[in-house]
Amino acid sequence: MSLSEQFEGWLPLDRDKKLRELTQVVCAHRLAYGVVTTFEHDSYKSLIKGWIPPQRQLKAIPFIKSPYPICFHTTIASVLQQQVSRGTTEQVDFVFDSRTDALKKCISQFRKAKPKIRTQAIKDIAGNASAADDKAVLPLQAADLLAGQYLATIRTNKNASYLNKLATHHTIFENKVGPSDLVGIRAALWITGLVRE
């Protein structure tokens, strides 16, 4: 959208044509659904203000710097629950765009948590999580389209045109994570001594 990086030098007209064509490709294929998970950065920052561990301890838990890990795990949980409710018995693998520093830690946490999943049906289909480059893995471009259009809707407070088209062809589930969802996490961090009042 910003016409930067690999799109530097493109005209807005070129960008809009690419968005239109990608939307047509996504809408032409039968997909089960899309999932969007959000957590407002300002809400997150105000919630953890005063709870950030000292710098030396923060190096051990860098994932607390942003709401990304919470959104990562919420998305995975949402998809696994949705698949079980649909009667799916096939393994579900997750591929995330490799552009975030927190991803490696999130994938590690997911691998460690998988054996501890209590619901057998979910445990049976929980596959692997991995990172990939959206320039090489085309389905990630479709995910970027959905995320970008959803973000544009939030920022402008009106539906982005391509989001409407995607929503008419596919069900889109929205997970809006909020401060109340962090109460347990905050308490757990306090108990461990990694945060301060």
Protein backbone atom coordinates (compact mmCIF):
# COMPACT_ATOMS: atom_id res chain seq x y z
CA MET A 1 0.00 0.00 0.00
CA SER A 2 2.87 2.39 0.76
CA LEU A 3 4.56 1.75 -2.61
CA SER A 4 7.86 0.98 -0.88
CA GLU A 5 10.38 -1.90 -0.86
CA GLN A 6 9.61 -4.22 -3.79
CA PHE A 7 6.86 -1.83 -4.92
CA GLU A 8 9.02 1.30 -4.93
CA GLY A 9 8.52 3.18 -8.16
CA TRP A 10 5.03 1.79 -8.74
CA LEU A 11 2.19 4.17 -9.43
CA PRO A 12 -0.98 4.05 -7.32
CA LEU A 13 -2.77 2.87 -10.47
CA ASP A 14 -0.37 -0.13 -10.71
CA ARG A 15 -0.91 -0.95 -7.04
CA ASP A 16 -4.68 -0.80 -7.37
CA LYS A 17 -4.55 -3.08 -10.44
CA LYS A 18 -2.47 -5.62 -8.47
CA LEU A 19 -4.91 -5.47 -5.54
CA ARG A 20 -7.87 -5.92 -7.88
CA GLU A 21 -6.27 -8.89 -9.66
CA LEU A 22 -5.20 -10.57 -6.40
CA THR A 23 -8.70 -10.11 -5.01
CA GLN A 24 -10.12 -11.76 -8.14
CA VAL A 25 -7.74 -14.72 -7.73
CA VAL A 26 -8.65 -15.19 -4.06
CA CYS A 27 -12.38 -14.88 -4.78
CA ALA A 28 -12.17 -17.39 -7.65
CA HIS A 29 -10.88 -20.14 -5.35
CA ARG A 30 -12.93 -21.98 -2.81
CA LEU A 31 -11.43 -21.26 0.59
CA ALA A 32 -12.98 -22.36 3.85
CA TYR A 33 -12.61 -18.99 5.57
CA GLY A 34 -10.24 -16.22 6.59
CA VAL A 35 -9.16 -15.22 10.08
CA VAL A 36 -8.08 -11.76 11.22
CA THR A 37 -6.74 -11.18 14.74
CA THR A 38 -6.09 -7.68 16.07
CA PHE A 39 -4.94 -5.98 19.25
CA GLU A 40 -4.72 -2.20 19.28
CA HIS A 41 -1.13 -1.19 19.98
CA ASP A 42 -2.14 1.79 22.12
CA SER A 43 -4.33 -0.42 24.33
CA TYR A 44 -1.51 -2.91 24.67
CA LYS A 45 1.07 -0.25 25.54
CA SER A 46 -1.14 1.34 28.17
CA LEU A 47 -1.88 -2.06 29.67
CA ILE A 48 1.75 -3.11 30.08
CA LYS A 49 3.02 0.32 31.08
CA GLY A 50 4.90 -0.16 34.33
CA TRP A 51 4.91 -3.90 33.81
CA ILE A 52 7.84 -4.04 31.43
CA PRO A 53 10.68 -6.03 33.00
CA PRO A 54 14.12 -4.47 33.42
CA GLN A 55 16.14 -4.41 30.18
CA ARG A 56 18.35 -7.35 31.20
CA GLN A 57 15.28 -9.55 31.75
CA LEU A 58 13.48 -8.22 28.67
CA LYS A 59 16.15 -9.88 26.49
CA ALA A 60 14.90 -13.25 27.73
CA ILE A 61 11.25 -12.44 26.93
CA PRO A 62 11.35 -10.08 23.91
CA PHE A 63 7.88 -11.17 22.83
CA ILE A 64 6.29 -8.99 25.53
CA LYS A 65 7.26 -5.84 23.58
CA SER A 66 4.28 -6.16 21.25
CA PRO A 67 0.84 -7.78 21.01
CA TYR A 68 2.05 -9.98 18.13
CA PRO A 69 2.51 -13.18 20.22
CA ILE A 70 -0.98 -12.89 21.66
CA CYS A 71 -2.41 -12.46 18.16
CA PHE A 72 -0.27 -15.36 16.86
CA HIS A 73 -1.57 -17.81 19.47
CA THR A 74 -5.15 -16.52 19.25
CA THR A 75 -5.15 -17.05 15.49
CA ILE A 76 -3.85 -20.60 15.79
CA ALA A 77 -6.37 -21.44 18.51
CA SER A 78 -9.21 -19.93 16.49
CA VAL A 79 -8.34 -21.91 13.36
CA LEU A 80 -7.91 -25.19 15.25
CA GLN A 81 -11.23 -24.73 17.04
CA GLN A 82 -12.94 -23.83 13.76
CA GLN A 83 -11.52 -26.91 12.05
CA VAL A 84 -12.63 -29.22 14.85
CA SER A 85 -16.13 -27.72 14.77
CA ARG A 86 -16.21 -28.45 11.02
CA GLY A 87 -15.30 -32.09 11.66
CA THR A 88 -11.83 -31.84 10.16
CA THR A 89 -9.44 -34.65 11.02
CA GLU A 90 -6.60 -33.55 8.72
CA GLN A 91 -3.51 -31.94 10.21
CA VAL A 92 -3.45 -28.14 10.03
CA ASP A 93 -0.11 -26.44 9.41
CA PHE A 94 0.45 -22.71 9.83
CA VAL A 95 2.74 -20.55 7.72
CA PHE A 96 3.48 -17.01 8.92
CA ASP A 97 5.20 -14.14 7.18
CA SER A 98 8.81 -14.07 8.41
CA ARG A 99 9.00 -10.27 8.74
CA THR A 100 8.59 -10.07 12.52
CA ASP A 101 11.27 -10.61 15.16
CA ALA A 102 8.76 -12.18 17.54
CA LEU A 103 7.84 -15.00 15.16
CA LYS A 104 10.74 -17.31 16.00
CA LYS A 105 9.88 -17.20 19.71
CA CYS A 106 6.16 -17.68 18.97
CA ILE A 107 6.86 -20.77 16.85
CA SER A 108 9.07 -22.16 19.62
CA GLN A 109 6.32 -21.55 22.19
CA PHE A 110 3.76 -23.26 19.96
CA ARG A 111 6.00 -26.34 19.53
CA LYS A 112 6.42 -26.60 23.30
CA ALA A 113 2.69 -26.10 23.95
CA LYS A 114 1.41 -28.66 21.40
CA PRO A 115 1.97 -31.74 23.60
CA LYS A 116 0.06 -30.02 26.42
CA ILE A 117 -3.13 -29.38 24.42
CA ARG A 118 -5.96 -30.85 26.50
CA THR A 119 -8.64 -31.33 23.85
CA GLN A 120 -7.73 -34.50 21.95
CA ALA A 121 -9.49 -33.48 18.72
CA ILE A 122 -7.47 -30.25 18.63
CA LYS A 123 -4.26 -32.03 19.60
CA ASP A 124 -4.78 -34.51 16.75
CA ILE A 125 -4.93 -31.83 14.05
CA ALA A 126 -2.40 -29.32 15.44
CA GLY A 127 0.36 -29.42 12.84
CA ASN A 128 3.46 -27.30 12.51
CA ALA A 129 4.02 -23.57 12.50
CA SER A 130 6.72 -22.16 10.26
CA ALA A 131 7.99 -18.92 8.77
CA ALA A 132 8.16 -18.08 5.07
CA ASP A 133 8.75 -15.10 2.80
CA ASP A 134 5.60 -13.66 1.26
CA LYS A 135 7.59 -12.90 -1.89
CA ALA A 136 8.08 -16.65 -2.40
CA VAL A 137 4.96 -18.21 -0.82
CA LEU A 138 1.99 -16.95 -2.77
CA PRO A 139 -0.77 -17.80 -0.26
CA LEU A 140 0.91 -15.38 2.15
CA GLN A 141 0.20 -12.63 -0.38
CA ALA A 142 -3.50 -13.46 -0.09
CA ALA A 143 -3.17 -13.27 3.70
CA ASP A 144 -1.40 -9.91 3.34
CA LEU A 145 -4.25 -8.70 1.16
CA LEU A 146 -6.81 -9.63 3.80
CA ALA A 147 -4.74 -8.11 6.62
CA GLY A 148 -4.04 -4.93 4.65
CA GLN A 149 -7.66 -4.40 3.72
CA TYR A 150 -8.77 -5.08 7.28
CA LEU A 151 -6.21 -2.59 8.60
CA ALA A 152 -7.36 0.00 6.05
CA THR A 153 -10.92 -0.50 7.32
CA ILE A 154 -9.83 0.09 10.92
CA ARG A 155 -7.81 3.19 10.05
CA THR A 156 -10.45 4.85 7.88
CA ASN A 157 -13.46 3.60 9.84
CA LYS A 158 -15.10 2.44 6.61
CA ASN A 159 -14.89 -0.81 4.70
CA ALA A 160 -12.03 -1.07 2.23
CA SER A 161 -13.42 -1.95 -1.19
CA TYR A 162 -11.51 -5.20 -1.63
CA LEU A 163 -12.39 -6.39 1.88
CA ASN A 164 -16.07 -6.17 0.92
CA LYS A 165 -15.42 -8.30 -2.15
CA LEU A 166 -13.43 -10.88 -0.15
CA ALA A 167 -16.20 -11.01 2.47
CA THR A 168 -18.89 -11.67 -0.14
CA HIS A 169 -16.99 -14.76 -1.34
CA HIS A 170 -15.55 -16.08 1.93
CA THR A 171 -16.41 -16.07 5.62
CA ILE A 172 -13.99 -13.90 7.59
CA PHE A 173 -13.69 -14.46 11.32
CA GLU A 174 -12.52 -11.52 13.42
CA ASN A 175 -10.69 -11.91 16.71
CA LYS A 176 -10.42 -8.60 18.52
CA VAL A 177 -8.09 -9.21 21.43
CA GLY A 178 -8.36 -6.62 24.18
CA PRO A 179 -6.91 -5.69 27.53
CA SER A 180 -9.22 -8.05 29.40
CA ASP A 181 -7.60 -10.95 27.55
CA LEU A 182 -4.24 -10.06 29.07
CA VAL A 183 -5.28 -10.20 32.71
CA GLY A 184 -4.13 -13.80 33.09
CA ILE A 185 -0.88 -13.17 31.24
CA ARG A 186 -0.11 -10.10 33.31
CA ALA A 187 -0.78 -11.99 36.56
CA ALA A 188 1.42 -14.88 35.45
CA LEU A 189 4.29 -12.51 34.62
CA TRP A 190 3.93 -10.81 38.00
CA ILE A 191 4.06 -14.16 39.82
CA THR A 192 7.27 -15.11 38.00
CA GLY A 193 8.89 -11.89 39.15
CA LEU A 194 9.62 -10.82 35.56
CA VAL A 195 7.51 -7.69 35.90
CA ARG A 196 7.27 -4.92 38.43
CA GLU A 197 4.36 -2.92 39.78
